[in-house]
PDB file of N, CA and C in Angstrom:
ATOM      1  N   MET A   1      -8.605  42.884  -4.283  1.00  0.00           N
ATOM      2  CA  MET A   1      -9.465  43.229  -3.150  1.00  0.00           C
ATOM      3  C   MET A   1      -9.723  44.738  -3.174  1.00  0.00           C
ATOM      4  N   ALA A   2     -10.981  45.110  -3.191  1.00  0.00           N
ATOM      5  CA  ALA A   2     -11.340  46.525  -3.267  1.00  0.00           C
ATOM      6  C   ALA A   2     -11.179  47.218  -1.917  1.00  0.00           C
ATOM      7  N   LYS A   3     -10.832  48.498  -1.998  1.00  0.00           N
ATOM      8  CA  LYS A   3     -10.702  49.327  -0.805  1.00  0.00           C
ATOM      9  C   LYS A   3     -11.750  50.422  -0.866  1.00  0.00           C
ATOM     10  N   ILE A   4     -12.530  50.531   0.218  1.00  0.00           N
ATOM     11  CA  ILE A   4     -13.586  51.527   0.304  1.00  0.00           C
ATOM     12  C   ILE A   4     -13.199  52.552   1.357  1.00  0.00           C
ATOM     13  N   LEU A   5     -13.310  53.823   1.005  1.00  0.00           N
ATOM     14  CA  LEU A   5     -13.129  54.898   1.979  1.00  0.00           C
ATOM     15  C   LEU A   5     -14.516  55.331   2.428  1.00  0.00           C
ATOM     16  N   LEU A   6     -14.771  55.209   3.720  1.00  0.00           N
ATOM     17  CA  LEU A   6     -16.043  55.615   4.313  1.00  0.00           C
ATOM     18  C   LEU A   6     -15.825  56.930   5.057  1.00  0.00           C
ATOM     19  N   ILE A   7     -16.413  57.997   4.561  1.00  0.00           N
ATOM     20  CA  ILE A   7     -16.309  59.306   5.214  1.00  0.00           C
ATOM     21  C   ILE A   7     -17.640  59.533   5.922  1.00  0.00           C
ATOM     22  N   GLU A   8     -17.646  59.256   7.216  1.00  0.00           N
ATOM     23  CA  GLU A   8     -18.877  59.223   8.018  1.00  0.00           C
ATOM     24  C   GLU A   8     -18.509  59.520   9.470  1.00  0.00           C
ATOM     25  N   ASP A   9     -19.234  60.450  10.106  1.00  0.00           N
ATOM     26  CA  ASP A   9     -18.892  60.795  11.487  1.00  0.00           C
ATOM     27  C   ASP A   9     -19.708  60.036  12.534  1.00  0.00           C
ATOM     28  N   ASP A  10     -20.733  59.311  12.119  1.00  0.00           N
ATOM     29  CA  ASP A  10     -21.559  58.556  13.054  1.00  0.00           C
ATOM     30  C   ASP A  10     -20.861  57.225  13.379  1.00  0.00           C
ATOM     31  N   LYS A  11     -20.435  57.072  14.640  1.00  0.00           N
ATOM     32  CA  LYS A  11     -19.666  55.880  15.049  1.00  0.00           C
ATOM     33  C   LYS A  11     -20.454  54.586  14.842  1.00  0.00           C
ATOM     34  N   PHE A  12     -21.757  54.624  15.128  1.00  0.00           N
ATOM     35  CA  PHE A  12     -22.579  53.435  14.951  1.00  0.00           C
ATOM     36  C   PHE A  12     -22.620  53.026  13.479  1.00  0.00           C
ATOM     37  N   LEU A  13     -22.855  54.001  12.593  1.00  0.00           N
ATOM     38  CA  LEU A  13     -22.890  53.688  11.164  1.00  0.00           C
ATOM     39  C   LEU A  13     -21.528  53.236  10.652  1.00  0.00           C
ATOM     40  N   GLN A  14     -20.453  53.826  11.181  1.00  0.00           N
ATOM     41  CA  GLN A  14     -19.108  53.374  10.792  1.00  0.00           C
ATOM     42  C   GLN A  14     -18.970  51.875  11.058  1.00  0.00           C
ATOM     43  N   LYS A  15     -19.393  51.461  12.252  1.00  0.00           N
ATOM     44  CA  LYS A  15     -19.261  50.066  12.657  1.00  0.00           C
ATOM     45  C   LYS A  15     -20.139  49.151  11.788  1.00  0.00           C
ATOM     46  N   VAL A  16     -21.402  49.534  11.606  1.00  0.00           N
ATOM     47  CA  VAL A  16     -22.330  48.719  10.818  1.00  0.00           C
ATOM     48  C   VAL A  16     -21.852  48.591   9.373  1.00  0.00           C
ATOM     49  N   TYR A  17     -21.518  49.719   8.747  1.00  0.00           N
ATOM     50  CA  TYR A  17     -21.064  49.685   7.350  1.00  0.00           C
ATOM     51  C   TYR A  17     -19.812  48.828   7.212  1.00  0.00           C
ATOM     52  N   THR A  18     -18.851  49.034   8.112  1.00  0.00           N
ATOM     53  CA  THR A  18     -17.585  48.297   8.033  1.00  0.00           C
ATOM     54  C   THR A  18     -17.819  46.802   8.169  1.00  0.00           C
ATOM     55  N   GLN A  19     -18.591  46.397   9.178  1.00  0.00           N
ATOM     56  CA  GLN A  19     -18.851  44.967   9.379  1.00  0.00           C
ATOM     57  C   GLN A  19     -19.518  44.357   8.166  1.00  0.00           C
ATOM     58  N   GLN A  20     -20.530  45.016   7.646  1.00  0.00           N
ATOM     59  CA  GLN A  20     -21.273  44.474   6.503  1.00  0.00           C
ATOM     60  C   GLN A  20     -20.421  44.425   5.236  1.00  0.00           C
ATOM     61  N   LEU A  21     -19.733  45.511   4.945  1.00  0.00           N
ATOM     62  CA  LEU A  21     -18.949  45.566   3.709  1.00  0.00           C
ATOM     63  C   LEU A  21     -17.781  44.581   3.749  1.00  0.00           C
ATOM     64  N   GLN A  22     -17.178  44.413   4.927  1.00  0.00           N
ATOM     65  CA  GLN A  22     -16.065  43.468   5.025  1.00  0.00           C
ATOM     66  C   GLN A  22     -16.548  42.021   5.035  1.00  0.00           C
ATOM     67  N   SER A  23     -17.623  41.735   5.770  1.00  0.00           N
ATOM     68  CA  SER A  23     -18.062  40.345   5.885  1.00  0.00           C
ATOM     69  C   SER A  23     -18.776  39.870   4.621  1.00  0.00           C
ATOM     70  N   GLN A  24     -19.588  40.724   3.999  1.00  0.00           N
ATOM     71  CA  GLN A  24     -20.336  40.294   2.813  1.00  0.00           C
ATOM     72  C   GLN A  24     -19.456  40.174   1.580  1.00  0.00           C
ATOM     73  N   SER A  25     -18.475  41.042   1.469  1.00  0.00           N
ATOM     74  CA  SER A  25     -17.718  41.074   0.221  1.00  0.00           C
ATOM     75  C   SER A  25     -16.213  41.004   0.383  1.00  0.00           C
ATOM     76  N   GLY A  26     -15.736  41.027   1.624  1.00  0.00           N
ATOM     77  CA  GLY A  26     -14.300  40.942   1.858  1.00  0.00           C
ATOM     78  C   GLY A  26     -13.542  42.199   1.495  1.00  0.00           C
ATOM     79  N   TRP A  27     -14.255  43.316   1.342  1.00  0.00           N
ATOM     80  CA  TRP A  27     -13.596  44.565   1.011  1.00  0.00           C
ATOM     81  C   TRP A  27     -12.886  45.139   2.231  1.00  0.00           C
ATOM     82  N   THR A  28     -11.848  45.910   1.988  1.00  0.00           N
ATOM     83  CA  THR A  28     -11.167  46.650   3.041  1.00  0.00           C
ATOM     84  C   THR A  28     -11.874  47.983   3.195  1.00  0.00           C
ATOM     85  N   VAL A  29     -12.142  48.383   4.440  1.00  0.00           N
ATOM     86  CA  VAL A  29     -12.810  49.657   4.693  1.00  0.00           C
ATOM     87  C   VAL A  29     -11.887  50.553   5.510  1.00  0.00           C
ATOM     88  N   VAL A  30     -11.666  51.761   5.010  1.00  0.00           N
ATOM     89  CA  VAL A  30     -10.880  52.777   5.698  1.00  0.00           C
ATOM     90  C   VAL A  30     -11.869  53.868   6.116  1.00  0.00           C
ATOM     91  N   ILE A  31     -11.777  54.330   7.372  1.00  0.00           N
ATOM     92  CA  ILE A  31     -12.773  55.263   7.905  1.00  0.00           C
ATOM     93  C   ILE A  31     -12.169  56.640   8.179  1.00  0.00           C
ATOM     94  N   ALA A  32     -12.922  57.669   7.785  1.00  0.00           N
ATOM     95  CA  ALA A  32     -12.574  59.055   8.116  1.00  0.00           C
ATOM     96  C   ALA A  32     -13.760  59.663   8.864  1.00  0.00           C
ATOM     97  N   ASP A  33     -13.476  60.357   9.967  1.00  0.00           N
ATOM     98  CA  ASP A  33     -14.520  60.973  10.803  1.00  0.00           C
ATOM     99  C   ASP A  33     -14.964  62.339  10.301  1.00  0.00           C
ATOM    100  N   ASP A  34     -14.153  62.971   9.461  1.00  0.00           N
ATOM    101  CA  ASP A  34     -14.508  64.310   8.983  1.00  0.00           C
ATOM    102  C   ASP A  34     -13.979  64.522   7.571  1.00  0.00           C
ATOM    103  N   GLY A  35     -14.365  65.645   6.975  1.00  0.00           N
ATOM    104  CA  GLY A  35     -14.010  65.916   5.592  1.00  0.00           C
ATOM    105  C   GLY A  35     -12.522  66.087   5.342  1.00  0.00           C
ATOM    106  N   GLU A  36     -11.831  66.740   6.273  1.00  0.00           N
ATOM    107  CA  GLU A  36     -10.383  66.945   6.085  1.00  0.00           C
ATOM    108  C   GLU A  36      -9.637  65.623   6.110  1.00  0.00           C
ATOM    109  N   ILE A  37      -9.966  64.767   7.083  1.00  0.00           N
ATOM    110  CA  ILE A  37      -9.324  63.447   7.159  1.00  0.00           C
ATOM    111  C   ILE A  37      -9.700  62.629   5.918  1.00  0.00           C
ATOM    112  N   GLY A  38     -10.954  62.754   5.484  1.00  0.00           N
ATOM    113  CA  GLY A  38     -11.393  62.029   4.298  1.00  0.00           C
ATOM    114  C   GLY A  38     -10.580  62.373   3.066  1.00  0.00           C
ATOM    115  N   LEU A  39     -10.339  63.660   2.865  1.00  0.00           N
ATOM    116  CA  LEU A  39      -9.530  64.079   1.706  1.00  0.00           C
ATOM    117  C   LEU A  39      -8.092  63.574   1.835  1.00  0.00           C
ATOM    118  N   ALA A  40      -7.533  63.633   3.032  1.00  0.00           N
ATOM    119  CA  ALA A  40      -6.156  63.159   3.243  1.00  0.00           C
ATOM    120  C   ALA A  40      -6.067  61.658   2.984  1.00  0.00           C
ATOM    121  N   LEU A  41      -7.052  60.906   3.486  1.00  0.00           N
ATOM    122  CA  LEU A  41      -7.035  59.450   3.271  1.00  0.00           C
ATOM    123  C   LEU A  41      -7.292  59.085   1.814  1.00  0.00           C
ATOM    124  N   ALA A  42      -8.119  59.859   1.132  1.00  0.00           N
ATOM    125  CA  ALA A  42      -8.344  59.594  -0.289  1.00  0.00           C
ATOM    126  C   ALA A  42      -7.024  59.692  -1.048  1.00  0.00           C
ATOM    127  N   ALA A  43      -6.221  60.696  -0.717  1.00  0.00           N
ATOM    128  CA  ALA A  43      -4.938  60.893  -1.393  1.00  0.00           C
ATOM    129  C   ALA A  43      -3.913  59.837  -1.007  1.00  0.00           C
ATOM    130  N   SER A  44      -3.896  59.432   0.267  1.00  0.00           N
ATOM    131  CA  SER A  44      -2.875  58.477   0.711  1.00  0.00           C
ATOM    132  C   SER A  44      -3.265  57.022   0.439  1.00  0.00           C
ATOM    133  N   GLU A  45      -4.536  56.702   0.527  1.00  0.00           N
ATOM    134  CA  GLU A  45      -4.989  55.312   0.370  1.00  0.00           C
ATOM    135  C   GLU A  45      -5.410  54.965  -1.062  1.00  0.00           C
ATOM    136  N   LEU A  46      -5.782  55.984  -1.839  1.00  0.00           N
ATOM    137  CA  LEU A  46      -6.294  55.784  -3.200  1.00  0.00           C
ATOM    138  C   LEU A  46      -7.330  54.651  -3.241  1.00  0.00           C
ATOM    139  N   PRO A  47      -8.467  54.865  -2.568  1.00  0.00           N
ATOM    140  CA  PRO A  47      -9.486  53.810  -2.533  1.00  0.00           C
ATOM    141  C   PRO A  47     -10.116  53.584  -3.906  1.00  0.00           C
ATOM    142  N   ASN A  48     -10.762  52.426  -4.057  1.00  0.00           N
ATOM    143  CA  ASN A  48     -11.457  52.114  -5.305  1.00  0.00           C
ATOM    144  C   ASN A  48     -12.790  52.850  -5.397  1.00  0.00           C
ATOM    145  N   ILE A  49     -13.365  53.172  -4.229  1.00  0.00           N
ATOM    146  CA  ILE A  49     -14.661  53.845  -4.184  1.00  0.00           C
ATOM    147  C   ILE A  49     -14.796  54.566  -2.842  1.00  0.00           C
ATOM    148  N   ILE A  50     -15.589  55.620  -2.811  1.00  0.00           N
ATOM    149  CA  ILE A  50     -15.773  56.404  -1.585  1.00  0.00           C
ATOM    150  C   ILE A  50     -17.258  56.477  -1.255  1.00  0.00           C
ATOM    151  N   LEU A  51     -17.602  56.189   0.001  1.00  0.00           N
ATOM    152  CA  LEU A  51     -18.943  56.420   0.528  1.00  0.00           C
ATOM    153  C   LEU A  51     -18.853  57.699   1.345  1.00  0.00           C
ATOM    154  N   LEU A  52     -19.629  58.705   0.976  1.00  0.00           N
ATOM    155  CA  LEU A  52     -19.475  60.046   1.538  1.00  0.00           C
ATOM    156  C   LEU A  52     -20.767  60.561   2.154  1.00  0.00           C
ATOM    157  N   ASP A  53     -20.710  60.857   3.447  1.00  0.00           N
ATOM    158  CA  ASP A  53     -21.823  61.525   4.115  1.00  0.00           C
ATOM    159  C   ASP A  53     -21.724  63.014   3.806  1.00  0.00           C
ATOM    160  N   LEU A  54     -22.848  63.716   3.798  1.00  0.00           N
ATOM    161  CA  LEU A  54     -22.826  65.151   3.502  1.00  0.00           C
ATOM    162  C   LEU A  54     -22.652  66.009   4.751  1.00  0.00           C
ATOM    163  N   ILE A  55     -23.248  65.592   5.853  1.00  0.00           N
ATOM    164  CA  ILE A  55     -23.175  66.377   7.083  1.00  0.00           C
ATOM    165  C   ILE A  55     -22.062  65.800   7.960  1.00  0.00           C
ATOM    166  N   ILE A  56     -20.864  66.312   7.757  1.00  0.00           N
ATOM    167  CA  ILE A  56     -19.688  65.855   8.502  1.00  0.00           C
ATOM    168  C   ILE A  56     -18.902  67.077   8.970  1.00  0.00           C
ATOM    169  N   PRO A  57     -18.105  66.917  10.033  1.00  0.00           N
ATOM    170  CA  PRO A  57     -17.335  68.055  10.561  1.00  0.00           C
ATOM    171  C   PRO A  57     -16.215  68.518   9.627  1.00  0.00           C
ATOM    172  N   LYS A  58     -15.770  69.724   9.877  1.00  0.00           N
ATOM    173  CA  LYS A  58     -14.611  70.394   9.256  1.00  0.00           C
ATOM    174  C   LYS A  58     -14.834  70.790   7.801  1.00  0.00           C
ATOM    175  N   LYS A  59     -15.182  69.851   6.942  1.00  0.00           N
ATOM    176  CA  LYS A  59     -15.547  70.154   5.549  1.00  0.00           C
ATOM    177  C   LYS A  59     -16.763  69.305   5.239  1.00  0.00           C
ATOM    178  N   ASP A  60     -17.845  69.935   4.770  1.00  0.00           N
ATOM    179  CA  ASP A  60     -19.043  69.139   4.478  1.00  0.00           C
ATOM    180  C   ASP A  60     -18.823  68.283   3.232  1.00  0.00           C
ATOM    181  N   GLY A  61     -19.743  67.352   3.026  1.00  0.00           N
ATOM    182  CA  GLY A  61     -19.602  66.402   1.929  1.00  0.00           C
ATOM    183  C   GLY A  61     -19.551  67.039   0.549  1.00  0.00           C
ATOM    184  N   PHE A  62     -20.326  68.124   0.350  1.00  0.00           N
ATOM    185  CA  PHE A  62     -20.285  68.791  -0.954  1.00  0.00           C
ATOM    186  C   PHE A  62     -18.899  69.371  -1.219  1.00  0.00           C
ATOM    187  N   THR A  63     -18.288  69.973  -0.199  1.00  0.00           N
ATOM    188  CA  THR A  63     -16.939  70.542  -0.340  1.00  0.00           C
ATOM    189  C   THR A  63     -15.928  69.431  -0.608  1.00  0.00           C
ATOM    190  N   VAL A  64     -16.038  68.329   0.133  1.00  0.00           N
ATOM    191  CA  VAL A  64     -15.135  67.186  -0.085  1.00  0.00           C
ATOM    192  C   VAL A  64     -15.271  66.682  -1.520  1.00  0.00           C
ATOM    193  N   LEU A  65     -16.498  66.542  -1.993  1.00  0.00           N
ATOM    194  CA  LEU A  65     -16.724  66.055  -3.351  1.00  0.00           C
ATOM    195  C   LEU A  65     -16.116  66.995  -4.390  1.00  0.00           C
ATOM    196  N   GLN A  66     -16.296  68.307  -4.206  1.00  0.00           N
ATOM    197  CA  GLN A  66     -15.704  69.282  -5.128  1.00  0.00           C
ATOM    198  C   GLN A  66     -14.188  69.152  -5.148  1.00  0.00           C
ATOM    199  N   GLU A  67     -13.577  69.019  -3.974  1.00  0.00           N
ATOM    200  CA  GLU A  67     -12.115  68.928  -3.908  1.00  0.00           C
ATOM    201  C   GLU A  67     -11.605  67.616  -4.486  1.00  0.00           C
ATOM    202  N   LEU A  68     -12.332  66.528  -4.277  1.00  0.00           N
ATOM    203  CA  LEU A  68     -11.943  65.250  -4.878  1.00  0.00           C
ATOM    204  C   LEU A  68     -11.952  65.359  -6.400  1.00  0.00           C
ATOM    205  N   LYS A  69     -13.009  65.921  -6.950  1.00  0.00           N
ATOM    206  CA  LYS A  69     -13.158  66.002  -8.401  1.00  0.00           C
ATOM    207  C   LYS A  69     -12.200  67.016  -9.030  1.00  0.00           C
ATOM    208  N   ALA A  70     -11.706  67.962  -8.222  1.00  0.00           N
ATOM    209  CA  ALA A  70     -10.750  68.953  -8.732  1.00  0.00           C
ATOM    210  C   ALA A  70      -9.315  68.425  -8.721  1.00  0.00           C
ATOM    211  N   ASN A  71      -9.076  67.297  -8.050  1.00  0.00           N
ATOM    212  CA  ASN A  71      -7.738  66.722  -7.941  1.00  0.00           C
ATOM    213  C   ASN A  71      -7.587  65.632  -9.006  1.00  0.00           C
ATOM    214  N   PRO A  72      -6.709  65.839  -9.992  1.00  0.00           N
ATOM    215  CA  PRO A  72      -6.569  64.856 -11.078  1.00  0.00           C
ATOM    216  C   PRO A  72      -6.258  63.442 -10.586  1.00  0.00           C
ATOM    217  N   GLN A  73      -5.534  63.328  -9.469  1.00  0.00           N
ATOM    218  CA  GLN A  73      -5.170  62.014  -8.930  1.00  0.00           C
ATOM    219  C   GLN A  73      -6.399  61.291  -8.352  1.00  0.00           C
ATOM    220  N   LEU A  74      -7.411  62.049  -7.912  1.00  0.00           N
ATOM    221  CA  LEU A  74      -8.561  61.466  -7.214  1.00  0.00           C
ATOM    222  C   LEU A  74      -9.869  61.579  -7.998  1.00  0.00           C
ATOM    223  N   ALA A  75      -9.871  62.351  -9.067  1.00  0.00           N
ATOM    224  CA  ALA A  75     -11.109  62.698  -9.778  1.00  0.00           C
ATOM    225  C   ALA A  75     -11.876  61.493 -10.314  1.00  0.00           C
ATOM    226  N   ASN A  76     -11.186  60.406 -10.639  1.00  0.00           N
ATOM    227  CA  ASN A  76     -11.862  59.254 -11.239  1.00  0.00           C
ATOM    228  C   ASN A  76     -12.363  58.234 -10.222  1.00  0.00           C
ATOM    229  N   ILE A  77     -12.132  58.477  -8.934  1.00  0.00           N
ATOM    230  CA  ILE A  77     -12.635  57.557  -7.909  1.00  0.00           C
ATOM    231  C   ILE A  77     -14.144  57.776  -7.782  1.00  0.00           C
ATOM    232  N   PRO A  78     -14.957  56.722  -7.976  1.00  0.00           N
ATOM    233  CA  PRO A  78     -16.404  56.891  -7.849  1.00  0.00           C
ATOM    234  C   PRO A  78     -16.788  57.255  -6.412  1.00  0.00           C
ATOM    235  N   VAL A  79     -17.723  58.182  -6.279  1.00  0.00           N
ATOM    236  CA  VAL A  79     -18.207  58.616  -4.963  1.00  0.00           C
ATOM    237  C   VAL A  79     -19.710  58.360  -4.889  1.00  0.00           C
ATOM    238  N   ILE A  80     -20.116  57.632  -3.840  1.00  0.00           N
ATOM    239  CA  ILE A  80     -21.532  57.415  -3.562  1.00  0.00           C
ATOM    240  C   ILE A  80     -21.870  58.228  -2.318  1.00  0.00           C
ATOM    241  N   ILE A  81     -22.822  59.120  -2.451  1.00  0.00           N
ATOM    242  CA  ILE A  81     -23.252  59.922  -1.307  1.00  0.00           C
ATOM    243  C   ILE A  81     -24.238  59.103  -0.476  1.00  0.00           C
ATOM    244  N   THR A  82     -23.994  59.048   0.837  1.00  0.00           N
ATOM    245  CA  THR A  82     -24.924  58.426   1.779  1.00  0.00           C
ATOM    246  C   THR A  82     -25.320  59.531   2.739  1.00  0.00           C
ATOM    247  N   SER A  83     -26.580  59.936   2.688  1.00  0.00           N
ATOM    248  CA  SER A  83     -26.945  61.103   3.470  1.00  0.00           C
ATOM    249  C   SER A  83     -28.333  61.005   4.074  1.00  0.00           C
ATOM    250  N   GLY A  84     -28.506  61.721   5.154  1.00  0.00           N
ATOM    251  CA  GLY A  84     -29.826  61.882   5.740  1.00  0.00           C
ATOM    252  C   GLY A  84     -30.616  62.934   4.984  1.00  0.00           C
ATOM    253  N   LEU A  85     -29.931  63.710   4.156  1.00  0.00           N
ATOM    254  CA  LEU A  85     -30.596  64.728   3.343  1.00  0.00           C
ATOM    255  C   LEU A  85     -31.163  64.062   2.098  1.00  0.00           C
ATOM    256  N   GLY A  86     -32.471  64.140   1.933  1.00  0.00           N
ATOM    257  CA  GLY A  86     -33.071  63.496   0.768  1.00  0.00           C
ATOM    258  C   GLY A  86     -33.790  64.474  -0.145  1.00  0.00           C
ATOM    259  N   GLN A  87     -33.537  65.768   0.035  1.00  0.00           N
ATOM    260  CA  GLN A  87     -34.189  66.784  -0.787  1.00  0.00           C
ATOM    261  C   GLN A  87     -33.685  66.685  -2.234  1.00  0.00           C
ATOM    262  N   GLU A  88     -34.587  66.938  -3.164  1.00  0.00           N
ATOM    263  CA  GLU A  88     -34.210  66.908  -4.581  1.00  0.00           C
ATOM    264  C   GLU A  88     -33.016  67.815  -4.876  1.00  0.00           C
ATOM    265  N   ALA A  89     -32.993  68.995  -4.260  1.00  0.00           N
ATOM    266  CA  ALA A  89     -31.893  69.947  -4.510  1.00  0.00           C
ATOM    267  C   ALA A  89     -30.553  69.364  -4.061  1.00  0.00           C
ATOM    268  N   ASP A  90     -30.538  68.658  -2.921  1.00  0.00           N
ATOM    269  CA  ASP A  90     -29.298  68.054  -2.428  1.00  0.00           C
ATOM    270  C   ASP A  90     -28.847  66.924  -3.348  1.00  0.00           C
ATOM    271  N   ILE A  91     -29.803  66.112  -3.778  1.00  0.00           N
ATOM    272  CA  ILE A  91     -29.478  64.999  -4.683  1.00  0.00           C
ATOM    273  C   ILE A  91     -28.916  65.550  -5.987  1.00  0.00           C
ATOM    274  N   LYS A  92     -29.596  66.545  -6.555  1.00  0.00           N
ATOM    275  CA  LYS A  92     -29.139  67.149  -7.813  1.00  0.00           C
ATOM    276  C   LYS A  92     -27.747  67.754  -7.652  1.00  0.00           C
ATOM    277  N   LYS A  93     -27.533  68.494  -6.558  1.00  0.00           N
ATOM    278  CA  LYS A  93     -26.227  69.119  -6.331  1.00  0.00           C
ATOM    279  C   LYS A  93     -25.133  68.054  -6.240  1.00  0.00           C
ATOM    280  N   GLY A  94     -25.383  66.982  -5.483  1.00  0.00           N
ATOM    281  CA  GLY A  94     -24.395  65.909  -5.353  1.00  0.00           C
ATOM    282  C   GLY A  94     -24.064  65.252  -6.681  1.00  0.00           C
ATOM    283  N   MET A  95     -25.098  64.992  -7.476  1.00  0.00           N
ATOM    284  CA  MET A  95     -24.872  64.363  -8.780  1.00  0.00           C
ATOM    285  C   MET A  95     -24.171  65.333  -9.735  1.00  0.00           C
ATOM    286  N   ASP A  96     -24.572  66.606  -9.685  1.00  0.00           N
ATOM    287  CA  ASP A  96     -23.926  67.608 -10.549  1.00  0.00           C
ATOM    288  C   ASP A  96     -22.446  67.773 -10.204  1.00  0.00           C
ATOM    289  N   LEU A  97     -22.094  67.579  -8.927  1.00  0.00           N
ATOM    290  CA  LEU A  97     -20.696  67.707  -8.511  1.00  0.00           C
ATOM    291  C   LEU A  97     -19.869  66.469  -8.853  1.00  0.00           C
ATOM    292  N   GLY A  98     -20.536  65.411  -9.324  1.00  0.00           N
ATOM    293  CA  GLY A  98     -19.775  64.250  -9.801  1.00  0.00           C
ATOM    294  C   GLY A  98     -19.996  62.947  -9.069  1.00  0.00           C
ATOM    295  N   ALA A  99     -20.928  62.893  -8.116  1.00  0.00           N
ATOM    296  CA  ALA A  99     -21.213  61.615  -7.457  1.00  0.00           C
ATOM    297  C   ALA A  99     -21.814  60.647  -8.470  1.00  0.00           C
ATOM    298  N   VAL A 100     -21.543  59.349  -8.305  1.00  0.00           N
ATOM    299  CA  VAL A 100     -22.093  58.345  -9.215  1.00  0.00           C
ATOM    300  C   VAL A 100     -23.445  57.831  -8.728  1.00  0.00           C
ATOM    301  N   ASP A 101     -23.744  58.049  -7.444  1.00  0.00           N
ATOM    302  CA  ASP A 101     -25.012  57.593  -6.885  1.00  0.00           C
ATOM    303  C   ASP A 101     -25.289  58.368  -5.603  1.00  0.00           C
ATOM    304  N   TYR A 102     -26.544  58.302  -5.161  1.00  0.00           N
ATOM    305  CA  TYR A 102     -26.976  59.037  -3.977  1.00  0.00           C
ATOM    306  C   TYR A 102     -27.946  58.144  -3.221  1.00  0.00           C
ATOM    307  N   MET A 103     -27.650  57.899  -1.951  1.00  0.00           N
ATOM    308  CA  MET A 103     -28.522  57.058  -1.135  1.00  0.00           C
ATOM    309  C   MET A 103     -28.992  57.828   0.078  1.00  0.00           C
ATOM    310  N   SER A 104     -30.276  57.794   0.323  1.00  0.00           N
ATOM    311  CA  SER A 104     -30.822  58.353   1.547  1.00  0.00           C
ATOM    312  C   SER A 104     -30.645  57.307   2.643  1.00  0.00           C
ATOM    313  N   LYS A 105     -30.011  57.680   3.754  1.00  0.00           N
ATOM    314  CA  LYS A 105     -29.755  56.714   4.830  1.00  0.00           C
ATOM    315  C   LYS A 105     -31.045  56.077   5.327  1.00  0.00           C
ATOM    316  N   SER A 106     -32.125  56.845   5.367  1.00  0.00           N
ATOM    317  CA  SER A 106     -33.379  56.319   5.906  1.00  0.00           C
ATOM    318  C   SER A 106     -34.005  55.275   4.987  1.00  0.00           C
ATOM    319  N   ASP A 107     -33.674  55.300   3.701  1.00  0.00           N
ATOM    320  CA  ASP A 107     -34.272  54.364   2.740  1.00  0.00           C
ATOM    321  C   ASP A 107     -33.339  53.229   2.326  1.00  0.00           C
ATOM    322  N   SER A 108     -32.111  53.225   2.829  1.00  0.00           N
ATOM    323  CA  SER A 108     -31.120  52.266   2.338  1.00  0.00           C
ATOM    324  C   SER A 108     -30.848  51.157   3.346  1.00  0.00           C
ATOM    325  N   THR A 109     -31.009  49.923   2.885  1.00  0.00           N
ATOM    326  CA  THR A 109     -30.608  48.779   3.696  1.00  0.00           C
ATOM    327  C   THR A 109     -29.143  48.467   3.365  1.00  0.00           C
ATOM    328  N   MET A 110     -28.521  47.620   4.164  1.00  0.00           N
ATOM    329  CA  MET A 110     -27.131  47.247   3.880  1.00  0.00           C
ATOM    330  C   MET A 110     -27.038  46.507   2.549  1.00  0.00           C
ATOM    331  N   ASP A 111     -28.060  45.732   2.206  1.00  0.00           N
ATOM    332  CA  ASP A 111     -28.041  45.035   0.917  1.00  0.00           C
ATOM    333  C   ASP A 111     -28.001  46.032  -0.241  1.00  0.00           C
ATOM    334  N   ILE A 112     -28.775  47.112  -0.116  1.00  0.00           N
ATOM    335  CA  ILE A 112     -28.780  48.146  -1.158  1.00  0.00           C
ATOM    336  C   ILE A 112     -27.413  48.815  -1.242  1.00  0.00           C
ATOM    337  N   ILE A 113     -26.816  49.109  -0.084  1.00  0.00           N
ATOM    338  CA  ILE A 113     -25.504  49.758  -0.065  1.00  0.00           C
ATOM    339  C   ILE A 113     -24.457  48.863  -0.726  1.00  0.00           C
ATOM    340  N   VAL A 114     -24.435  47.580  -0.355  1.00  0.00           N
ATOM    341  CA  VAL A 114     -23.474  46.636  -0.944  1.00  0.00           C
ATOM    342  C   VAL A 114     -23.694  46.546  -2.462  1.00  0.00           C
ATOM    343  N   GLU A 115     -24.961  46.474  -2.871  1.00  0.00           N
ATOM    344  CA  GLU A 115     -25.291  46.388  -4.298  1.00  0.00           C
ATOM    345  C   GLU A 115     -24.793  47.623  -5.055  1.00  0.00           C
ATOM    346  N   LYS A 116     -25.007  48.807  -4.480  1.00  0.00           N
ATOM    347  CA  LYS A 116     -24.574  50.039  -5.151  1.00  0.00           C
ATOM    348  C   LYS A 116     -23.048  50.125  -5.213  1.00  0.00           C
ATOM    349  N   VAL A 117     -22.363  49.665  -4.168  1.00  0.00           N
ATOM    350  CA  VAL A 117     -20.898  49.651  -4.200  1.00  0.00           C
ATOM    351  C   VAL A 117     -20.434  48.708  -5.301  1.00  0.00           C
ATOM    352  N   GLN A 118     -21.008  47.512  -5.358  1.00  0.00           N
ATOM    353  CA  GLN A 118     -20.615  46.546  -6.397  1.00  0.00           C
ATOM    354  C   GLN A 118     -20.846  47.113  -7.796  1.00  0.00           C
ATOM    355  N   LYS A 119     -21.995  47.761  -7.976  1.00  0.00           N
ATOM    356  CA  LYS A 119     -22.355  48.301  -9.288  1.00  0.00           C
ATOM    357  C   LYS A 119     -21.397  49.400  -9.733  1.00  0.00           C
ATOM    358  N   ASN A 120     -20.934  50.219  -8.793  1.00  0.00           N
ATOM    359  CA  ASN A 120     -20.117  51.368  -9.134  1.00  0.00           C
ATOM    360  C   ASN A 120     -18.617  51.156  -8.956  1.00  0.00           C
ATOM    361  N   LEU A 121     -18.235  49.996  -8.455  1.00  0.00           N
ATOM    362  CA  LEU A 121     -16.820  49.677  -8.249  1.00  0.00           C
ATOM    363  C   LEU A 121     -16.148  49.505  -9.610  1.00  0.00           C
ATOM    364  N   PRO A 122     -15.040  50.212  -9.852  1.00  0.00           N
ATOM    365  CA  PRO A 122     -14.338  50.031 -11.123  1.00  0.00           C
ATOM    366  C   PRO A 122     -13.853  48.580 -11.258  1.00  0.00           C
ATOM    367  N   GLN A 123     -13.911  48.054 -12.451  1.00  0.00           N
ATOM    368  CA  GLN A 123     -13.428  46.691 -12.676  1.00  0.00           C
ATOM    369  C   GLN A 123     -11.926  46.654 -12.468  1.00  0.00           C
ATOM    370  N   GLN A 124     -11.498  45.615 -11.756  1.00  0.00           N
ATOM    371  CA  GLN A 124     -10.071  45.502 -11.437  1.00  0.00           C
ATOM    372  C   GLN A 124      -9.383  44.473 -12.278  1.00  0.00           C
TER     373      GLN A 124
END
């Protein structure tokens, strides 16, 4: 059973993502409201994949991604950025920092999110 770490501060999106990811695929979802909690949970939970918002409190998503990739214990966990930022520069920066995919929240349905998680989930 895969474990997904959702680093997202929007309570509504936390609920929607969790319900969909758990009901459609039976995955376990762990939620972090900010970047610091996200990094702590990544280390303690060792999720199979991380969904990361960029605009979050305490540490932004780019900083979280840099710190994840700098930690040998966490560096191989795939990270999918889910963001309201859809600028080419933001997408390029996220991918250059090591994200495996980038989704604009405004363009992504839950089916697309589930599909991208399945595609990027390491084989168990």
